[in-house]
Amino acid sequence: MDNQNTRRNFLKTAGIALGCLGLAVPERVIGSGNKVLDAEGDTITLLTPGGQLVKVEKSKLKPAELPSLTENQKRGREGLPIRAWVMVIDLSKCRNARKCMAACQAHHQLRPEQHHMNTLQMQDAEHTAPYYMPKNCQHCDNPPCTKVCPVNATFKRSDGIVLIDNERCIGCRFCIAACPYSARVFNWFEPRDAEKYKDVVYDIEANVPQKKGTISKCLFSADLLRAGKLPSCVSACPNGVYWFGDQNEDAVTNGTTKETTRFSKLLKDNAGYTLMEELGTKPRVYYLPPKNRAFPFEGEMQKHE
């Protein structure tokens, strides 16, 4: 695909819900499945679920009311139609900049010691070269975490994302014990900036406000995806480590270069793999091996070289 079409294509294929723009128009025109294609000039062009183009005058728009907690919970469980989100992490590009971690913490109201995304220093054997490996929730298609939750607080959506509803979570931590990737964290203390978020309606897709005594984890920035944006970690990485997109479209976009390529070709050409494939969890996060690395390893494990 041409690079000049990359970012624009991602926004269009992901779909931008009109409600995310804070706008509303008569019900006969706007529905939850409509996509905004153009908002320039005096009109907004929409694509309906039936494939029709509809133009609406901006003068007829009015601010939309913020969704209630119940509406947020319902919408968060439904996911985005016809999507199957995937992430590809290129280990040859990671230099432990940790910008992804900082962006994630800021977006999801996490304390300094809490990580949805963590960068690990890895060394597979005594005489092999060390490398950096970002690790987050794998958003498994066969997730063991959802099966052990006694209150249906953690669940998998139709678009592949595994989320947590902290209004239902009772803090039993069964899901933490069940996760083979150690991808979940427990809120032992009051969350970061608790006073700032005290009057904010809980958003299940951002898991904000965070809540003491509940579980938190990577969400693929589901709230940003609904707005047609890339996850915060993908956008924040300065070195092109992350690719993100829709498996159904067979397209992933790099957060740094804004290049879009075929998901299947990226994995095939670079020997992509998933973590602990033998467990049968079927992760939706894929890794490209640390070959032809763009940056030297600068961690403590380099001393053996």
C-alpha atoms as a PDB file:
ATOM      1  CA  MET A   1       0.000   0.000   0.000  1.00  0.00           C
ATOM      2  CA  ASP A   2       1.112   3.575  -0.621  1.00  0.00           C
ATOM      3  CA  ASN A   3       2.451   5.309   2.439  1.00  0.00           C
ATOM      4  CA  GLN A   4       0.442   8.448   1.673  1.00  0.00           C
ATOM      5  CA  ASN A   5      -2.774   6.523   2.252  1.00  0.00           C
ATOM      6  CA  THR A   6      -1.701   4.931   5.509  1.00  0.00           C
ATOM      7  CA  ARG A   7      -2.996   7.049   8.371  1.00  0.00           C
ATOM      8  CA  ARG A   8      -6.094   8.150   6.468  1.00  0.00           C
ATOM      9  CA  ASN A   9      -6.954   4.565   5.595  1.00  0.00           C
ATOM     10  CA  PHE A  10      -6.607   3.431   9.205  1.00  0.00           C
ATOM     11  CA  LEU A  11      -8.988   6.131  10.373  1.00  0.00           C
ATOM     12  CA  LYS A  12     -11.525   5.241   7.710  1.00  0.00           C
ATOM     13  CA  THR A  13     -11.345   1.490   8.198  1.00  0.00           C
ATOM     14  CA  ALA A  14     -11.504   1.806  11.963  1.00  0.00           C
ATOM     15  CA  GLY A  15     -14.484   4.160  11.676  1.00  0.00           C
ATOM     16  CA  ILE A  16     -15.037   7.390  13.574  1.00  0.00           C
ATOM     17  CA  ALA A  17     -18.274   7.332  15.553  1.00  0.00           C
ATOM     18  CA  LEU A  18     -20.079  10.655  15.447  1.00  0.00           C
ATOM     19  CA  GLY A  19     -20.743  10.488  19.154  1.00  0.00           C
ATOM     20  CA  CYS A  20     -16.998  10.699  19.755  1.00  0.00           C
ATOM     21  CA  LEU A  21     -17.081  14.137  18.156  1.00  0.00           C
ATOM     22  CA  GLY A  22     -19.606  15.258  20.735  1.00  0.00           C
ATOM     23  CA  LEU A  23     -22.305  15.786  18.077  1.00  0.00           C
ATOM     24  CA  ALA A  24     -25.852  14.538  17.584  1.00  0.00           C
ATOM     25  CA  VAL A  25     -28.483  14.886  14.837  1.00  0.00           C
ATOM     26  CA  PRO A  26     -31.999  13.515  14.296  1.00  0.00           C
ATOM     27  CA  GLU A  27     -32.397   9.764  14.817  1.00  0.00           C
ATOM     28  CA  ARG A  28     -33.511   9.159  11.238  1.00  0.00           C
ATOM     29  CA  VAL A  29     -30.016  10.113  10.091  1.00  0.00           C
ATOM     30  CA  ILE A  30     -27.630   9.097  12.862  1.00  0.00           C
ATOM     31  CA  GLY A  31     -27.204   5.604  14.257  1.00  0.00           C
ATOM     32  CA  SER A  32     -24.479   3.894  16.211  1.00  0.00           C
ATOM     33  CA  GLY A  33     -23.187   2.184  13.059  1.00  0.00           C
ATOM     34  CA  ASN A  34     -22.656   5.348  10.997  1.00  0.00           C
ATOM     35  CA  LYS A  35     -19.126   6.464  10.113  1.00  0.00           C
ATOM     36  CA  VAL A  36     -17.941  10.049   9.555  1.00  0.00           C
ATOM     37  CA  LEU A  37     -16.080  10.289   6.250  1.00  0.00           C
ATOM     38  CA  ASP A  38     -15.749  14.059   5.964  1.00  0.00           C
ATOM     39  CA  ALA A  39     -16.418  16.976   8.312  1.00  0.00           C
ATOM     40  CA  GLU A  40     -15.136  19.899   6.255  1.00  0.00           C
ATOM     41  CA  GLY A  41     -17.164  22.860   5.053  1.00  0.00           C
ATOM     42  CA  ASP A  42     -20.799  23.309   6.114  1.00  0.00           C
ATOM     43  CA  THR A  43     -21.752  19.628   5.969  1.00  0.00           C
ATOM     44  CA  ILE A  44     -20.714  16.295   7.448  1.00  0.00           C
ATOM     45  CA  THR A  45     -20.639  13.230   5.188  1.00  0.00           C
ATOM     46  CA  LEU A  46     -21.660   9.932   6.788  1.00  0.00           C
ATOM     47  CA  LEU A  47     -21.478   6.345   5.609  1.00  0.00           C
ATOM     48  CA  THR A  48     -24.446   4.340   6.896  1.00  0.00           C
ATOM     49  CA  PRO A  49     -24.230   0.620   7.772  1.00  0.00           C
ATOM     50  CA  GLY A  50     -26.128  -0.026   4.536  1.00  0.00           C
ATOM     51  CA  GLY A  51     -23.402   1.628   2.471  1.00  0.00           C
ATOM     52  CA  GLN A  52     -25.272   4.876   1.716  1.00  0.00           C
ATOM     53  CA  LEU A  53     -23.617   8.294   1.822  1.00  0.00           C
ATOM     54  CA  VAL A  54     -25.594  10.879   3.788  1.00  0.00           C
ATOM     55  CA  LYS A  55     -24.816  14.600   4.131  1.00  0.00           C
ATOM     56  CA  VAL A  56     -25.903  16.515   7.223  1.00  0.00           C
ATOM     57  CA  GLU A  57     -25.720  20.283   7.687  1.00  0.00           C
ATOM     58  CA  LYS A  58     -23.528  21.301  10.609  1.00  0.00           C
ATOM     59  CA  SER A  59     -26.072  23.965  11.580  1.00  0.00           C
ATOM     60  CA  LYS A  60     -28.499  21.173  12.546  1.00  0.00           C
ATOM     61  CA  LEU A  61     -26.069  19.530  14.928  1.00  0.00           C
ATOM     62  CA  LYS A  62     -26.242  19.893  18.677  1.00  0.00           C
ATOM     63  CA  PRO A  63     -23.951  18.755  21.511  1.00  0.00           C
ATOM     64  CA  ALA A  64     -24.543  15.170  22.550  1.00  0.00           C
ATOM     65  CA  GLU A  65     -25.103  14.232  26.162  1.00  0.00           C
ATOM     66  CA  LEU A  66     -22.321  12.268  27.782  1.00  0.00           C
ATOM     67  CA  PRO A  67     -23.167   8.553  28.102  1.00  0.00           C
ATOM     68  CA  SER A  68     -24.204   7.246  31.501  1.00  0.00           C
ATOM     69  CA  LEU A  69     -22.370   4.523  33.408  1.00  0.00           C
ATOM     70  CA  THR A  70     -24.878   1.934  32.192  1.00  0.00           C
ATOM     71  CA  GLU A  71     -24.453   3.072  28.588  1.00  0.00           C
ATOM     72  CA  ASN A  72     -20.658   2.977  28.906  1.00  0.00           C
ATOM     73  CA  GLN A  73     -20.787  -0.552  30.286  1.00  0.00           C
ATOM     74  CA  LYS A  74     -23.121  -1.786  27.546  1.00  0.00           C
ATOM     75  CA  ARG A  75     -21.136  -0.166  24.740  1.00  0.00           C
ATOM     76  CA  GLY A  76     -17.848  -1.410  26.159  1.00  0.00           C
ATOM     77  CA  ARG A  77     -19.000  -5.024  26.037  1.00  0.00           C
ATOM     78  CA  GLU A  78     -20.233  -4.822  22.452  1.00  0.00           C
ATOM     79  CA  GLY A  79     -16.964  -3.760  20.852  1.00  0.00           C
ATOM     80  CA  LEU A  80     -16.530  -2.408  17.328  1.00  0.00           C
ATOM     81  CA  PRO A  81     -18.412  -4.301  14.605  1.00  0.00           C
ATOM     82  CA  ILE A  82     -16.555  -6.450  12.069  1.00  0.00           C
ATOM     83  CA  ARG A  83     -13.164  -5.765  13.665  1.00  0.00           C
ATOM     84  CA  ALA A  84     -10.468  -8.187  14.844  1.00  0.00           C
ATOM     85  CA  TRP A  85      -7.707  -6.083  16.377  1.00  0.00           C
ATOM     86  CA  VAL A  86      -4.105  -7.333  16.371  1.00  0.00           C
ATOM     87  CA  MET A  87      -0.756  -5.946  17.508  1.00  0.00           C
ATOM     88  CA  VAL A  88       2.674  -6.790  16.124  1.00  0.00           C
ATOM     89  CA  ILE A  89       5.784  -5.947  18.198  1.00  0.00           C
ATOM     90  CA  ASP A  90       9.084  -5.725  16.310  1.00  0.00           C
ATOM     91  CA  LEU A  91      11.804  -6.681  18.802  1.00  0.00           C
ATOM     92  CA  SER A  92      14.555  -5.527  16.431  1.00  0.00           C
ATOM     93  CA  LYS A  93      13.375  -1.924  16.853  1.00  0.00           C
ATOM     94  CA  CYS A  94      13.038  -1.675  20.635  1.00  0.00           C
ATOM     95  CA  ARG A  95      15.721   0.303  22.474  1.00  0.00           C
ATOM     96  CA  ASN A  96      13.936   0.531  25.830  1.00  0.00           C
ATOM     97  CA  ALA A  97      12.830   4.136  25.326  1.00  0.00           C
ATOM     98  CA  ARG A  98       9.814   3.344  27.557  1.00  0.00           C
ATOM     99  CA  LYS A  99       7.733   6.077  25.951  1.00  0.00           C
ATOM    100  CA  CYS A 100       5.013   3.477  25.410  1.00  0.00           C
ATOM    101  CA  MET A 101       4.913   2.812  29.144  1.00  0.00           C
ATOM    102  CA  ALA A 102       4.688   6.500  30.061  1.00  0.00           C
ATOM    103  CA  ALA A 103       1.907   7.146  27.542  1.00  0.00           C
ATOM    104  CA  CYS A 104      -0.046   4.136  28.779  1.00  0.00           C
ATOM    105  CA  GLN A 105       0.280   5.170  32.419  1.00  0.00           C
ATOM    106  CA  ALA A 106      -0.929   8.691  31.652  1.00  0.00           C
ATOM    107  CA  HIS A 107      -3.849   7.486  29.540  1.00  0.00           C
ATOM    108  CA  HIS A 108      -5.098   4.897  32.004  1.00  0.00           C
ATOM    109  CA  GLN A 109      -4.522   6.695  35.327  1.00  0.00           C
ATOM    110  CA  LEU A 110      -1.802   4.323  36.515  1.00  0.00           C
ATOM    111  CA  ARG A 111       0.600   4.885  39.385  1.00  0.00           C
ATOM    112  CA  PRO A 112       4.373   4.924  38.621  1.00  0.00           C
ATOM    113  CA  GLU A 113       4.794   1.302  39.740  1.00  0.00           C
ATOM    114  CA  GLN A 114       1.858   0.039  37.648  1.00  0.00           C
ATOM    115  CA  HIS A 115       2.312  -1.142  34.074  1.00  0.00           C
ATOM    116  CA  HIS A 116      -0.106  -2.290  31.396  1.00  0.00           C
ATOM    117  CA  MET A 117       2.889  -2.325  29.057  1.00  0.00           C
ATOM    118  CA  ASN A 118       6.317  -3.213  30.422  1.00  0.00           C
ATOM    119  CA  THR A 119       9.670  -3.461  28.650  1.00  0.00           C
ATOM    120  CA  LEU A 120      11.701  -6.455  29.784  1.00  0.00           C
ATOM    121  CA  GLN A 121      15.401  -7.193  29.390  1.00  0.00           C
ATOM    122  CA  MET A 122      15.613 -10.635  27.812  1.00  0.00           C
ATOM    123  CA  GLN A 123      18.349 -13.190  27.218  1.00  0.00           C
ATOM    124  CA  ASP A 124      17.328 -16.608  25.940  1.00  0.00           C
ATOM    125  CA  ALA A 125      20.503 -18.469  26.941  1.00  0.00           C
ATOM    126  CA  GLU A 126      23.900 -17.807  28.532  1.00  0.00           C
ATOM    127  CA  HIS A 127      25.751 -17.060  25.316  1.00  0.00           C
ATOM    128  CA  THR A 128      22.946 -15.518  23.266  1.00  0.00           C
ATOM    129  CA  ALA A 129      22.580 -11.801  22.671  1.00  0.00           C
ATOM    130  CA  PRO A 130      20.264  -9.868  25.006  1.00  0.00           C
ATOM    131  CA  TYR A 131      17.372  -7.793  23.705  1.00  0.00           C
ATOM    132  CA  TYR A 132      14.398  -5.750  24.898  1.00  0.00           C
ATOM    133  CA  MET A 133      10.866  -7.120  24.820  1.00  0.00           C
ATOM    134  CA  PRO A 134       7.727  -5.037  25.429  1.00  0.00           C
ATOM    135  CA  LYS A 135       5.030  -7.197  27.050  1.00  0.00           C
ATOM    136  CA  ASN A 136       1.362  -6.464  27.606  1.00  0.00           C
ATOM    137  CA  CYS A 137      -1.920  -8.367  27.772  1.00  0.00           C
ATOM    138  CA  GLN A 138      -2.019 -10.782  24.840  1.00  0.00           C
ATOM    139  CA  HIS A 139      -5.799 -10.426  24.307  1.00  0.00           C
ATOM    140  CA  CYS A 140      -6.075 -14.168  23.801  1.00  0.00           C
ATOM    141  CA  ASP A 141      -8.822 -15.726  21.708  1.00  0.00           C
ATOM    142  CA  ASN A 142      -8.939 -18.491  24.334  1.00  0.00           C
ATOM    143  CA  PRO A 143      -8.329 -16.432  27.493  1.00  0.00           C
ATOM    144  CA  PRO A 144      -8.049 -18.375  30.762  1.00  0.00           C
ATOM    145  CA  CYS A 145      -8.619 -15.175  32.768  1.00  0.00           C
ATOM    146  CA  THR A 146     -12.235 -14.730  31.675  1.00  0.00           C
ATOM    147  CA  LYS A 147     -13.140 -18.319  32.554  1.00  0.00           C
ATOM    148  CA  VAL A 148     -12.243 -18.005  36.246  1.00  0.00           C
ATOM    149  CA  CYS A 149     -13.943 -14.679  37.011  1.00  0.00           C
ATOM    150  CA  PRO A 150     -16.937 -15.417  39.284  1.00  0.00           C
ATOM    151  CA  VAL A 151     -18.783 -12.161  38.499  1.00  0.00           C
ATOM    152  CA  ASN A 152     -18.218 -11.754  34.731  1.00  0.00           C
ATOM    153  CA  ALA A 153     -16.111  -8.654  35.353  1.00  0.00           C
ATOM    154  CA  THR A 154     -13.524  -9.609  32.738  1.00  0.00           C
ATOM    155  CA  PHE A 155     -14.688 -10.613  29.286  1.00  0.00           C
ATOM    156  CA  LYS A 156     -13.695 -10.897  25.633  1.00  0.00           C
ATOM    157  CA  ARG A 157     -15.413  -8.729  23.021  1.00  0.00           C
ATOM    158  CA  SER A 158     -16.341  -9.615  19.469  1.00  0.00           C
ATOM    159  CA  ASP A 159     -13.466  -7.459  18.138  1.00  0.00           C
ATOM    160  CA  GLY A 160     -10.874  -9.505  20.031  1.00  0.00           C
ATOM    161  CA  ILE A 161     -10.196  -7.188  22.970  1.00  0.00           C
ATOM    162  CA  VAL A 162     -10.269  -8.513  26.542  1.00  0.00           C
ATOM    163  CA  LEU A 163     -11.572  -5.876  28.980  1.00  0.00           C
ATOM    164  CA  ILE A 164     -12.376  -5.496  32.670  1.00  0.00           C
ATOM    165  CA  ASP A 165     -15.464  -3.880  34.198  1.00  0.00           C
ATOM    166  CA  ASN A 166     -14.233  -2.520  37.512  1.00  0.00           C
ATOM    167  CA  GLU A 167     -17.782  -1.707  38.563  1.00  0.00           C
ATOM    168  CA  ARG A 168     -18.302  -5.490  38.731  1.00  0.00           C
ATOM    169  CA  CYS A 169     -14.814  -6.534  39.846  1.00  0.00           C
ATOM    170  CA  ILE A 170     -14.667  -7.793  43.448  1.00  0.00           C
ATOM    171  CA  GLY A 171     -10.874  -8.009  43.609  1.00  0.00           C
ATOM    172  CA  CYS A 172     -10.672 -11.784  44.069  1.00  0.00           C
ATOM    173  CA  ARG A 173      -7.588 -11.895  41.804  1.00  0.00           C
ATOM    174  CA  PHE A 174      -8.519 -15.258  40.279  1.00  0.00           C
ATOM    175  CA  CYS A 175      -7.793 -13.738  36.850  1.00  0.00           C
ATOM    176  CA  ILE A 176      -4.274 -12.741  37.953  1.00  0.00           C
ATOM    177  CA  ALA A 177      -3.580 -16.339  38.986  1.00  0.00           C
ATOM    178  CA  ALA A 178      -5.001 -17.687  35.712  1.00  0.00           C
ATOM    179  CA  CYS A 179      -3.071 -15.398  33.343  1.00  0.00           C
ATOM    180  CA  PRO A 180       0.114 -17.144  32.111  1.00  0.00           C
ATOM    181  CA  TYR A 181       1.543 -13.831  30.867  1.00  0.00           C
ATOM    182  CA  SER A 182       1.470 -11.949  34.202  1.00  0.00           C
ATOM    183  CA  ALA A 183      -0.360  -9.184  32.390  1.00  0.00           C
ATOM    184  CA  ARG A 184      -2.670  -7.992  35.170  1.00  0.00           C
ATOM    185  CA  VAL A 185      -2.068  -5.678  38.109  1.00  0.00           C
ATOM    186  CA  PHE A 186      -3.998  -5.142  41.329  1.00  0.00           C
ATOM    187  CA  ASN A 187      -4.900  -1.686  42.622  1.00  0.00           C
ATOM    188  CA  TRP A 188      -3.552  -1.964  46.160  1.00  0.00           C
ATOM    189  CA  PHE A 189      -3.701   1.787  46.713  1.00  0.00           C
ATOM    190  CA  GLU A 190      -5.767   4.765  45.645  1.00  0.00           C
ATOM    191  CA  PRO A 191      -5.154   5.420  41.934  1.00  0.00           C
ATOM    192  CA  ARG A 192      -3.074   8.231  40.520  1.00  0.00           C
ATOM    193  CA  ASP A 193      -4.826  11.638  40.526  1.00  0.00           C
ATOM    194  CA  ALA A 194      -7.844  10.162  42.323  1.00  0.00           C
ATOM    195  CA  GLU A 195      -9.179  13.616  43.228  1.00  0.00           C
ATOM    196  CA  LYS A 196      -9.008  14.751  39.598  1.00  0.00           C
ATOM    197  CA  TYR A 197     -11.130  11.796  38.419  1.00  0.00           C
ATOM    198  CA  LYS A 198     -13.592  11.581  41.324  1.00  0.00           C
ATOM    199  CA  ASP A 199     -16.535  13.034  39.333  1.00  0.00           C
ATOM    200  CA  VAL A 200     -15.725  11.341  36.009  1.00  0.00           C
ATOM    201  CA  VAL A 201     -18.192   8.716  34.775  1.00  0.00           C
ATOM    202  CA  TYR A 202     -16.454   5.326  34.617  1.00  0.00           C
ATOM    203  CA  ASP A 203     -15.373   4.403  31.084  1.00  0.00           C
ATOM    204  CA  ILE A 204     -14.968   0.653  30.744  1.00  0.00           C
ATOM    205  CA  GLU A 205     -12.946   1.048  27.506  1.00  0.00           C
ATOM    206  CA  ALA A 206     -10.292   3.169  29.234  1.00  0.00           C
ATOM    207  CA  ASN A 207     -10.777   1.584  32.676  1.00  0.00           C
ATOM    208  CA  VAL A 208     -10.848   5.109  34.098  1.00  0.00           C
ATOM    209  CA  PRO A 209     -11.369   6.134  36.824  1.00  0.00           C
ATOM    210  CA  GLN A 210      -9.276   3.354  38.305  1.00  0.00           C
ATOM    211  CA  LYS A 211     -10.605   1.907  41.550  1.00  0.00           C
ATOM    212  CA  LYS A 212      -8.775   0.659  44.644  1.00  0.00           C
ATOM    213  CA  GLY A 213      -9.224  -3.069  45.218  1.00  0.00           C
ATOM    214  CA  THR A 214      -9.809  -3.955  41.554  1.00  0.00           C
ATOM    215  CA  ILE A 215      -7.795  -5.296  38.625  1.00  0.00           C
ATOM    216  CA  SER A 216      -6.244  -3.367  35.740  1.00  0.00           C
ATOM    217  CA  LYS A 217      -4.536  -4.395  32.513  1.00  0.00           C
ATOM    218  CA  CYS A 218      -3.775  -3.466  28.888  1.00  0.00           C
ATOM    219  CA  LEU A 219      -6.950  -2.564  26.971  1.00  0.00           C
ATOM    220  CA  PHE A 220      -5.522  -1.920  23.480  1.00  0.00           C
ATOM    221  CA  SER A 221      -6.740   1.644  24.278  1.00  0.00           C
ATOM    222  CA  ALA A 222     -10.248   0.573  23.281  1.00  0.00           C
ATOM    223  CA  ASP A 223     -11.584   4.085  23.833  1.00  0.00           C
ATOM    224  CA  LEU A 224      -9.097   5.487  21.285  1.00  0.00           C
ATOM    225  CA  LEU A 225      -9.966   2.790  18.760  1.00  0.00           C
ATOM    226  CA  ARG A 226     -13.604   3.841  18.960  1.00  0.00           C
ATOM    227  CA  ALA A 227     -12.452   7.366  18.065  1.00  0.00           C
ATOM    228  CA  GLY A 228     -10.487   6.081  15.068  1.00  0.00           C
ATOM    229  CA  LYS A 229      -7.076   6.492  16.718  1.00  0.00           C
ATOM    230  CA  LEU A 230      -4.182   4.147  17.385  1.00  0.00           C
ATOM    231  CA  PRO A 231      -3.519   2.891  20.939  1.00  0.00           C
ATOM    232  CA  SER A 232      -1.514   5.302  23.082  1.00  0.00           C
ATOM    233  CA  CYS A 233       1.522   2.994  23.310  1.00  0.00           C
ATOM    234  CA  VAL A 234       1.641   2.597  19.524  1.00  0.00           C
ATOM    235  CA  SER A 235       1.475   6.342  18.884  1.00  0.00           C
ATOM    236  CA  ALA A 236       4.041   7.200  21.589  1.00  0.00           C
ATOM    237  CA  CYS A 237       6.840   4.845  20.485  1.00  0.00           C
ATOM    238  CA  PRO A 238       9.601   6.853  18.727  1.00  0.00           C
ATOM    239  CA  ASN A 239      11.294   3.827  17.150  1.00  0.00           C
ATOM    240  CA  GLY A 240       8.574   2.077  15.141  1.00  0.00           C
ATOM    241  CA  VAL A 241       8.313  -0.940  17.439  1.00  0.00           C
ATOM    242  CA  TYR A 242       4.533  -1.314  17.215  1.00  0.00           C
ATOM    243  CA  TRP A 243       2.192  -2.204  14.380  1.00  0.00           C
ATOM    244  CA  PHE A 244      -1.550  -2.213  15.018  1.00  0.00           C
ATOM    245  CA  GLY A 245      -4.620  -2.885  12.918  1.00  0.00           C
ATOM    246  CA  ASP A 246      -7.481  -5.105  11.855  1.00  0.00           C
ATOM    247  CA  GLN A 247      -6.876  -8.745  10.986  1.00  0.00           C
ATOM    248  CA  ASN A 248     -10.107  -8.830   9.002  1.00  0.00           C
ATOM    249  CA  GLU A 249      -8.704  -6.088   6.759  1.00  0.00           C
ATOM    250  CA  ASP A 250      -5.275  -7.791   6.817  1.00  0.00           C
ATOM    251  CA  ALA A 251      -3.788  -4.351   7.475  1.00  0.00           C
ATOM    252  CA  VAL A 252      -1.623  -2.957  10.284  1.00  0.00           C
ATOM    253  CA  THR A 253      -0.245   0.562  10.694  1.00  0.00           C
ATOM    254  CA  ASN A 254       3.077   1.509  12.238  1.00  0.00           C
ATOM    255  CA  GLY A 255       2.712   4.176  14.904  1.00  0.00           C
ATOM    256  CA  THR A 256       5.994   5.917  14.026  1.00  0.00           C
ATOM    257  CA  THR A 257       6.334   5.756  10.247  1.00  0.00           C
ATOM    258  CA  LYS A 258       2.552   5.796   9.626  1.00  0.00           C
ATOM    259  CA  GLU A 259       3.201   3.084   7.043  1.00  0.00           C
ATOM    260  CA  THR A 260       0.443   0.519   6.495  1.00  0.00           C
ATOM    261  CA  THR A 261       1.242  -3.013   5.367  1.00  0.00           C
ATOM    262  CA  ARG A 262      -0.431  -6.399   5.151  1.00  0.00           C
ATOM    263  CA  PHE A 263      -0.592  -8.134   8.511  1.00  0.00           C
ATOM    264  CA  SER A 264      -0.128 -11.624   7.028  1.00  0.00           C
ATOM    265  CA  LYS A 265       2.880 -10.570   4.927  1.00  0.00           C
ATOM    266  CA  LEU A 266       4.547  -8.841   7.868  1.00  0.00           C
ATOM    267  CA  LEU A 267       4.385 -12.064   9.901  1.00  0.00           C
ATOM    268  CA  LYS A 268       5.408 -14.309   7.012  1.00  0.00           C
ATOM    269  CA  ASP A 269       8.388 -12.223   5.892  1.00  0.00           C
ATOM    270  CA  ASN A 270       9.715 -11.768   9.437  1.00  0.00           C
ATOM    271  CA  ALA A 271       8.981 -15.152  11.055  1.00  0.00           C
ATOM    272  CA  GLY A 272       6.366 -13.718  13.404  1.00  0.00           C
ATOM    273  CA  TYR A 273       5.341 -15.751  16.424  1.00  0.00           C
ATOM    274  CA  THR A 274       3.187 -15.641  19.574  1.00  0.00           C
ATOM    275  CA  LEU A 275       4.195 -16.189  23.199  1.00  0.00           C
ATOM    276  CA  MET A 276       3.652 -19.621  24.777  1.00  0.00           C
ATOM    277  CA  GLU A 277       1.808 -20.958  21.761  1.00  0.00           C
ATOM    278  CA  GLU A 278       1.790 -24.421  23.345  1.00  0.00           C
ATOM    279  CA  LEU A 279      -0.733 -23.236  25.957  1.00  0.00           C
ATOM    280  CA  GLY A 280      -3.460 -22.867  23.358  1.00  0.00           C
ATOM    281  CA  THR A 281      -4.404 -19.357  24.507  1.00  0.00           C
ATOM    282  CA  LYS A 282      -4.235 -18.015  20.923  1.00  0.00           C
ATOM    283  CA  PRO A 283      -2.826 -14.522  21.564  1.00  0.00           C
ATOM    284  CA  ARG A 284      -3.658 -11.552  19.343  1.00  0.00           C
ATOM    285  CA  VAL A 285      -0.254  -9.980  20.055  1.00  0.00           C
ATOM    286  CA  TYR A 286       2.498 -11.151  17.708  1.00  0.00           C
ATOM    287  CA  TYR A 287       6.267 -10.708  17.895  1.00  0.00           C
ATOM    288  CA  LEU A 288       8.924 -10.283  15.237  1.00  0.00           C
ATOM    289  CA  PRO A 289      12.322 -11.699  16.335  1.00  0.00           C
ATOM    290  CA  PRO A 290      15.189  -9.326  17.283  1.00  0.00           C
ATOM    291  CA  LYS A 291      17.189  -9.788  14.083  1.00  0.00           C
ATOM    292  CA  ASN A 292      19.170  -6.992  12.367  1.00  0.00           C
ATOM    293  CA  ARG A 293      18.583  -4.772  15.370  1.00  0.00           C
ATOM    294  CA  ALA A 294      18.371  -1.049  14.784  1.00  0.00           C
ATOM    295  CA  PHE A 295      19.905  -0.220  18.190  1.00  0.00           C
ATOM    296  CA  PRO A 296      22.566  -1.866  20.378  1.00  0.00           C
ATOM    297  CA  PHE A 297      21.536  -3.379  23.688  1.00  0.00           C
ATOM    298  CA  GLU A 298      22.640  -1.085  26.536  1.00  0.00           C
ATOM    299  CA  GLY A 299      21.377  -2.941  29.609  1.00  0.00           C
ATOM    300  CA  GLU A 300      23.172  -4.728  32.419  1.00  0.00           C
ATOM    301  CA  MET A 301      23.139  -8.111  30.678  1.00  0.00           C
ATOM    302  CA  GLN A 302      25.551  -6.845  28.015  1.00  0.00           C
ATOM    303  CA  LYS A 303      28.548  -7.326  30.358  1.00  0.00           C
ATOM    304  CA  HIS A 304      29.182 -10.893  29.152  1.00  0.00           C
ATOM    305  CA  GLU A 305      30.000  -9.727  25.631  1.00  0.00           C
END
